Amino acid sequence: MITIRPNVEPTGLYTQKQAADALRVERHTIKRYEANNLLRFRVRKAGNQKVTTGADIIKCWQSMYL
């Protein structure tokens, strides 16, 4: 995981891959964060894809580094 705050828009929606890219971790790590309730995802009706907000990505990062 990166040591500087991820560059994401707090109100933006991000897929699991985009969240992994923002935190610079592997996608399976994102799934582990979700299982441990560090990241919350919801299923987006358009495309049936799991998404999270930028604010949740930042919260996950803060739980690791602050």
PDB file of N, CA and C in Angstrom:
ATOM      1  N   MET A   1       0.843  -1.171   0.000  1.00  0.00           N
ATOM      2  CA  MET A   1       0.000   0.000   0.000  1.00  0.00           C
ATOM      3  C   MET A   1       0.892   1.239   0.000  1.00  0.00           C
ATOM      4  N   ILE A   2       0.404   2.288  -0.629  1.00  0.00           N
ATOM      5  CA  ILE A   2       1.184   3.517  -0.715  1.00  0.00           C
ATOM      6  C   ILE A   2       1.180   4.245   0.622  1.00  0.00           C
ATOM      7  N   THR A   3       2.226   5.026   0.884  1.00  0.00           N
ATOM      8  CA  THR A   3       2.325   5.746   2.150  1.00  0.00           C
ATOM      9  C   THR A   3       1.762   7.154   2.059  1.00  0.00           C
ATOM     10  N   ILE A   4       1.476   7.636   0.847  1.00  0.00           N
ATOM     11  CA  ILE A   4       0.848   8.946   0.699  1.00  0.00           C
ATOM     12  C   ILE A   4      -0.633   8.758   0.411  1.00  0.00           C
ATOM     13  N   ARG A   5      -1.431   9.761   0.742  1.00  0.00           N
ATOM     14  CA  ARG A   5      -2.888   9.685   0.562  1.00  0.00           C
ATOM     15  C   ARG A   5      -3.227   9.379  -0.895  1.00  0.00           C
ATOM     16  N   PRO A   6      -4.129   8.414  -1.137  1.00  0.00           N
ATOM     17  CA  PRO A   6      -4.507   8.080  -2.510  1.00  0.00           C
ATOM     18  C   PRO A   6      -5.182   9.273  -3.195  1.00  0.00           C
ATOM     19  N   ASN A   7      -4.904   9.425  -4.473  1.00  0.00           N
ATOM     20  CA  ASN A   7      -5.464  10.527  -5.248  1.00  0.00           C
ATOM     21  C   ASN A   7      -6.802  10.088  -5.834  1.00  0.00           C
ATOM     22  N   VAL A   8      -7.859  10.172  -5.020  1.00  0.00           N
ATOM     23  CA  VAL A   8      -9.202   9.794  -5.444  1.00  0.00           C
ATOM     24  C   VAL A   8     -10.166  10.916  -5.083  1.00  0.00           C
ATOM     25  N   GLU A   9     -11.240  11.003  -5.820  1.00  0.00           N
ATOM     26  CA  GLU A   9     -12.308  11.958  -5.546  1.00  0.00           C
ATOM     27  C   GLU A   9     -13.217  11.348  -4.475  1.00  0.00           C
ATOM     28  N   PRO A  10     -13.411  12.005  -3.327  1.00  0.00           N
ATOM     29  CA  PRO A  10     -14.211  11.405  -2.253  1.00  0.00           C
ATOM     30  C   PRO A  10     -15.620  10.992  -2.668  1.00  0.00           C
ATOM     31  N   THR A  11     -16.234  11.705  -3.594  1.00  0.00           N
ATOM     32  CA  THR A  11     -17.598  11.362  -4.001  1.00  0.00           C
ATOM     33  C   THR A  11     -17.633  10.453  -5.220  1.00  0.00           C
ATOM     34  N   GLY A  12     -16.470  10.138  -5.781  1.00  0.00           N
ATOM     35  CA  GLY A  12     -16.405   9.284  -6.963  1.00  0.00           C
ATOM     36  C   GLY A  12     -16.659   7.831  -6.632  1.00  0.00           C
ATOM     37  N   LEU A  13     -17.087   7.065  -7.643  1.00  0.00           N
ATOM     38  CA  LEU A  13     -17.293   5.636  -7.492  1.00  0.00           C
ATOM     39  C   LEU A  13     -16.150   4.887  -8.166  1.00  0.00           C
ATOM     40  N   TYR A  14     -15.639   3.846  -7.498  1.00  0.00           N
ATOM     41  CA  TYR A  14     -14.472   3.112  -7.976  1.00  0.00           C
ATOM     42  C   TYR A  14     -14.734   1.613  -7.922  1.00  0.00           C
ATOM     43  N   THR A  15     -14.328   0.920  -8.974  1.00  0.00           N
ATOM     44  CA  THR A  15     -14.441  -0.532  -9.006  1.00  0.00           C
ATOM     45  C   THR A  15     -13.335  -1.138  -8.141  1.00  0.00           C
ATOM     46  N   GLN A  16     -13.382  -2.450  -7.971  1.00  0.00           N
ATOM     47  CA  GLN A  16     -12.332  -3.111  -7.189  1.00  0.00           C
ATOM     48  C   GLN A  16     -10.964  -2.908  -7.834  1.00  0.00           C
ATOM     49  N   LYS A  17     -10.889  -2.975  -9.143  1.00  0.00           N
ATOM     50  CA  LYS A  17      -9.612  -2.771  -9.832  1.00  0.00           C
ATOM     51  C   LYS A  17      -9.113  -1.349  -9.649  1.00  0.00           C
ATOM     52  N   GLN A  18     -10.010  -0.381  -9.769  1.00  0.00           N
ATOM     53  CA  GLN A  18      -9.613   1.011  -9.601  1.00  0.00           C
ATOM     54  C   GLN A  18      -9.188   1.291  -8.161  1.00  0.00           C
ATOM     55  N   ALA A  19      -9.860   0.685  -7.190  1.00  0.00           N
ATOM     56  CA  ALA A  19      -9.471   0.838  -5.791  1.00  0.00           C
ATOM     57  C   ALA A  19      -8.090   0.230  -5.555  1.00  0.00           C
ATOM     58  N   ALA A  20      -7.847  -0.929  -6.164  1.00  0.00           N
ATOM     59  CA  ALA A  20      -6.532  -1.562  -6.040  1.00  0.00           C
ATOM     60  C   ALA A  20      -5.450  -0.675  -6.658  1.00  0.00           C
ATOM     61  N   ASP A  21      -5.736  -0.081  -7.798  1.00  0.00           N
ATOM     62  CA  ASP A  21      -4.772   0.815  -8.440  1.00  0.00           C
ATOM     63  C   ASP A  21      -4.514   2.049  -7.583  1.00  0.00           C
ATOM     64  N   ALA A  22      -5.568   2.607  -6.976  1.00  0.00           N
ATOM     65  CA  ALA A  22      -5.424   3.809  -6.152  1.00  0.00           C
ATOM     66  C   ALA A  22      -4.579   3.534  -4.910  1.00  0.00           C
ATOM     67  N   LEU A  23      -4.748   2.345  -4.328  1.00  0.00           N
ATOM     68  CA  LEU A  23      -3.986   1.988  -3.126  1.00  0.00           C
ATOM     69  C   LEU A  23      -2.672   1.282  -3.454  1.00  0.00           C
ATOM     70  N   ARG A  24      -2.495   0.978  -4.727  1.00  0.00           N
ATOM     71  CA  ARG A  24      -1.304   0.269  -5.226  1.00  0.00           C
ATOM     72  C   ARG A  24      -1.110  -1.070  -4.527  1.00  0.00           C
ATOM     73  N   VAL A  25      -2.205  -1.848  -4.535  1.00  0.00           N
ATOM     74  CA  VAL A  25      -2.176  -3.216  -4.017  1.00  0.00           C
ATOM     75  C   VAL A  25      -2.785  -4.124  -5.072  1.00  0.00           C
ATOM     76  N   GLU A  26      -2.668  -5.424  -4.859  1.00  0.00           N
ATOM     77  CA  GLU A  26      -3.267  -6.397  -5.767  1.00  0.00           C
ATOM     78  C   GLU A  26      -4.775  -6.479  -5.527  1.00  0.00           C
ATOM     79  N   ARG A  27      -5.490  -6.971  -6.522  1.00  0.00           N
ATOM     80  CA  ARG A  27      -6.940  -7.065  -6.421  1.00  0.00           C
ATOM     81  C   ARG A  27      -7.382  -8.037  -5.330  1.00  0.00           C
ATOM     82  N   HIS A  28      -6.634  -9.112  -5.119  1.00  0.00           N
ATOM     83  CA  HIS A  28      -7.008 -10.048  -4.050  1.00  0.00           C
ATOM     84  C   HIS A  28      -6.862  -9.397  -2.676  1.00  0.00           C
ATOM     85  N   THR A  29      -5.974  -8.419  -2.551  1.00  0.00           N
ATOM     86  CA  THR A  29      -5.832  -7.683  -1.296  1.00  0.00           C
ATOM     87  C   THR A  29      -7.080  -6.848  -1.038  1.00  0.00           C
ATOM     88  N   ILE A  30      -7.632  -6.259  -2.086  1.00  0.00           N
ATOM     89  CA  ILE A  30      -8.866  -5.481  -1.964  1.00  0.00           C
ATOM     90  C   ILE A  30     -10.002  -6.397  -1.487  1.00  0.00           C
ATOM     91  N   LYS A  31     -10.059  -7.600  -2.016  1.00  0.00           N
ATOM     92  CA  LYS A  31     -11.089  -8.545  -1.587  1.00  0.00           C
ATOM     93  C   LYS A  31     -10.904  -8.921  -0.116  1.00  0.00           C
ATOM     94  N   ARG A  32      -9.663  -9.010   0.339  1.00  0.00           N
ATOM     95  CA  ARG A  32      -9.384  -9.307   1.747  1.00  0.00           C
ATOM     96  C   ARG A  32      -9.800  -8.122   2.624  1.00  0.00           C
ATOM     97  N   TYR A  33      -9.530  -6.890   2.154  1.00  0.00           N
ATOM     98  CA  TYR A  33      -9.975  -5.704   2.883  1.00  0.00           C
ATOM     99  C   TYR A  33     -11.492  -5.677   3.005  1.00  0.00           C
ATOM    100  N   GLU A  34     -12.182  -6.072   1.943  1.00  0.00           N
ATOM    101  CA  GLU A  34     -13.639  -6.117   1.977  1.00  0.00           C
ATOM    102  C   GLU A  34     -14.116  -7.169   2.986  1.00  0.00           C
ATOM    103  N   ALA A  35     -13.486  -8.328   2.997  1.00  0.00           N
ATOM    104  CA  ALA A  35     -13.863  -9.396   3.930  1.00  0.00           C
ATOM    105  C   ALA A  35     -13.628  -8.989   5.388  1.00  0.00           C
ATOM    106  N   ASN A  36     -12.622  -8.147   5.618  1.00  0.00           N
ATOM    107  CA  ASN A  36     -12.298  -7.676   6.966  1.00  0.00           C
ATOM    108  C   ASN A  36     -12.974  -6.349   7.300  1.00  0.00           C
ATOM    109  N   ASN A  37     -13.918  -5.935   6.460  1.00  0.00           N
ATOM    110  CA  ASN A  37     -14.692  -4.700   6.657  1.00  0.00           C
ATOM    111  C   ASN A  37     -13.852  -3.433   6.682  1.00  0.00           C
ATOM    112  N   LEU A  38     -12.737  -3.441   5.984  1.00  0.00           N
ATOM    113  CA  LEU A  38     -11.941  -2.222   5.835  1.00  0.00           C
ATOM    114  C   LEU A  38     -12.432  -1.387   4.658  1.00  0.00           C
ATOM    115  N   LEU A  39     -13.039  -2.034   3.685  1.00  0.00           N
ATOM    116  CA  LEU A  39     -13.633  -1.370   2.522  1.00  0.00           C
ATOM    117  C   LEU A  39     -15.047  -1.903   2.335  1.00  0.00           C
ATOM    118  N   ARG A  40     -15.976  -1.006   2.027  1.00  0.00           N
ATOM    119  CA  ARG A  40     -17.348  -1.419   1.768  1.00  0.00           C
ATOM    120  C   ARG A  40     -17.643  -1.257   0.276  1.00  0.00           C
ATOM    121  N   PHE A  41     -18.215  -2.267  -0.303  1.00  0.00           N
ATOM    122  CA  PHE A  41     -18.612  -2.222  -1.712  1.00  0.00           C
ATOM    123  C   PHE A  41     -20.112  -2.425  -1.803  1.00  0.00           C
ATOM    124  N   ARG A  42     -20.707  -1.858  -2.821  1.00  0.00           N
ATOM    125  CA  ARG A  42     -22.110  -2.113  -3.133  1.00  0.00           C
ATOM    126  C   ARG A  42     -22.180  -2.472  -4.606  1.00  0.00           C
ATOM    127  N   VAL A  43     -23.241  -3.143  -4.994  1.00  0.00           N
ATOM    128  CA  VAL A  43     -23.394  -3.556  -6.387  1.00  0.00           C
ATOM    129  C   VAL A  43     -24.102  -2.441  -7.138  1.00  0.00           C
ATOM    130  N   ARG A  44     -23.460  -1.967  -8.169  1.00  0.00           N
ATOM    131  CA  ARG A  44     -24.015  -0.908  -8.999  1.00  0.00           C
ATOM    132  C   ARG A  44     -24.986  -1.539  -9.996  1.00  0.00           C
ATOM    133  N   LYS A  45     -26.170  -0.972 -10.096  1.00  0.00           N
ATOM    134  CA  LYS A  45     -27.182  -1.546 -10.985  1.00  0.00           C
ATOM    135  C   LYS A  45     -26.758  -1.480 -12.446  1.00  0.00           C
ATOM    136  N   ALA A  46     -26.119  -0.402 -12.836  1.00  0.00           N
ATOM    137  CA  ALA A  46     -25.639  -0.274 -14.214  1.00  0.00           C
ATOM    138  C   ALA A  46     -24.384  -1.127 -14.361  1.00  0.00           C
ATOM    139  N   GLY A  47     -24.487  -2.253 -15.002  1.00  0.00           N
ATOM    140  CA  GLY A  47     -23.334  -3.122 -15.214  1.00  0.00           C
ATOM    141  C   GLY A  47     -23.161  -4.189 -14.155  1.00  0.00           C
ATOM    142  N   ASN A  48     -23.976  -4.143 -13.078  1.00  0.00           N
ATOM    143  CA  ASN A  48     -23.909  -5.158 -12.039  1.00  0.00           C
ATOM    144  C   ASN A  48     -22.501  -5.316 -11.475  1.00  0.00           C
ATOM    145  N   GLN A  49     -21.831  -4.196 -11.230  1.00  0.00           N
ATOM    146  CA  GLN A  49     -20.435  -4.204 -10.804  1.00  0.00           C
ATOM    147  C   GLN A  49     -20.311  -3.681  -9.377  1.00  0.00           C
ATOM    148  N   LYS A  50     -19.388  -4.236  -8.608  1.00  0.00           N
ATOM    149  CA  LYS A  50     -19.152  -3.761  -7.251  1.00  0.00           C
ATOM    150  C   LYS A  50     -18.382  -2.443  -7.315  1.00  0.00           C
ATOM    151  N   VAL A  51     -18.848  -1.461  -6.532  1.00  0.00           N
ATOM    152  CA  VAL A  51     -18.173  -0.159  -6.479  1.00  0.00           C
ATOM    153  C   VAL A  51     -18.076   0.301  -5.030  1.00  0.00           C
ATOM    154  N   THR A  52     -17.111   1.167  -4.792  1.00  0.00           N
ATOM    155  CA  THR A  52     -16.933   1.823  -3.501  1.00  0.00           C
ATOM    156  C   THR A  52     -16.705   3.304  -3.760  1.00  0.00           C
ATOM    157  N   THR A  53     -16.791   4.104  -2.731  1.00  0.00           N
ATOM    158  CA  THR A  53     -16.562   5.536  -2.899  1.00  0.00           C
ATOM    159  C   THR A  53     -15.102   5.878  -2.610  1.00  0.00           C
ATOM    160  N   GLY A  54     -14.694   7.010  -3.106  1.00  0.00           N
ATOM    161  CA  GLY A  54     -13.351   7.493  -2.823  1.00  0.00           C
ATOM    162  C   GLY A  54     -13.154   7.729  -1.340  1.00  0.00           C
ATOM    163  N   ALA A  55     -14.218   8.173  -0.663  1.00  0.00           N
ATOM    164  CA  ALA A  55     -14.133   8.398   0.787  1.00  0.00           C
ATOM    165  C   ALA A  55     -13.829   7.102   1.521  1.00  0.00           C
ATOM    166  N   ASP A  56     -14.421   5.989   1.083  1.00  0.00           N
ATOM    167  CA  ASP A  56     -14.135   4.697   1.707  1.00  0.00           C
ATOM    168  C   ASP A  56     -12.697   4.249   1.440  1.00  0.00           C
ATOM    169  N   ILE A  57     -12.187   4.551   0.260  1.00  0.00           N
ATOM    170  CA  ILE A  57     -10.789   4.217  -0.059  1.00  0.00           C
ATOM    171  C   ILE A  57      -9.854   5.002   0.856  1.00  0.00           C
ATOM    172  N   ILE A  58     -10.149   6.276   1.045  1.00  0.00           N
ATOM    173  CA  ILE A  58      -9.330   7.120   1.922  1.00  0.00           C
ATOM    174  C   ILE A  58      -9.419   6.629   3.364  1.00  0.00           C
ATOM    175  N   LYS A  59     -10.621   6.244   3.807  1.00  0.00           N
ATOM    176  CA  LYS A  59     -10.800   5.721   5.158  1.00  0.00           C
ATOM    177  C   LYS A  59      -9.983   4.447   5.373  1.00  0.00           C
ATOM    178  N   CYS A  60      -9.974   3.581   4.366  1.00  0.00           N
ATOM    179  CA  CYS A  60      -9.184   2.347   4.440  1.00  0.00           C
ATOM    180  C   CYS A  60      -7.708   2.678   4.563  1.00  0.00           C
ATOM    181  N   TRP A  61      -7.241   3.614   3.755  1.00  0.00           N
ATOM    182  CA  TRP A  61      -5.839   4.022   3.786  1.00  0.00           C
ATOM    183  C   TRP A  61      -5.492   4.609   5.157  1.00  0.00           C
ATOM    184  N   GLN A  62      -6.392   5.449   5.693  1.00  0.00           N
ATOM    185  CA  GLN A  62      -6.135   6.075   7.001  1.00  0.00           C
ATOM    186  C   GLN A  62      -6.071   5.043   8.104  1.00  0.00           C
ATOM    187  N   SER A  63      -6.854   3.979   8.003  1.00  0.00           N
ATOM    188  CA  SER A  63      -6.828   2.945   9.035  1.00  0.00           C
ATOM    189  C   SER A  63      -5.484   2.222   9.058  1.00  0.00           C
ATOM    190  N   MET A  64      -4.777   2.248   7.960  1.00  0.00           N
ATOM    191  CA  MET A  64      -3.465   1.597   7.891  1.00  0.00           C
ATOM    192  C   MET A  64      -2.316   2.543   8.284  1.00  0.00           C
ATOM    193  N   TYR A  65      -2.464   3.835   7.973  1.00  0.00           N
ATOM    194  CA  TYR A  65      -1.313   4.738   8.118  1.00  0.00           C
ATOM    195  C   TYR A  65      -1.468   5.868   9.111  1.00  0.00           C
ATOM    196  N   LEU A  66      -2.651   6.096   9.654  1.00  0.00           N
ATOM    197  CA  LEU A  66      -2.790   7.189  10.629  1.00  0.00           C
ATOM    198  C   LEU A  66      -3.146   6.674  11.995  1.00  0.00           C
TER     199      LEU A  66
END
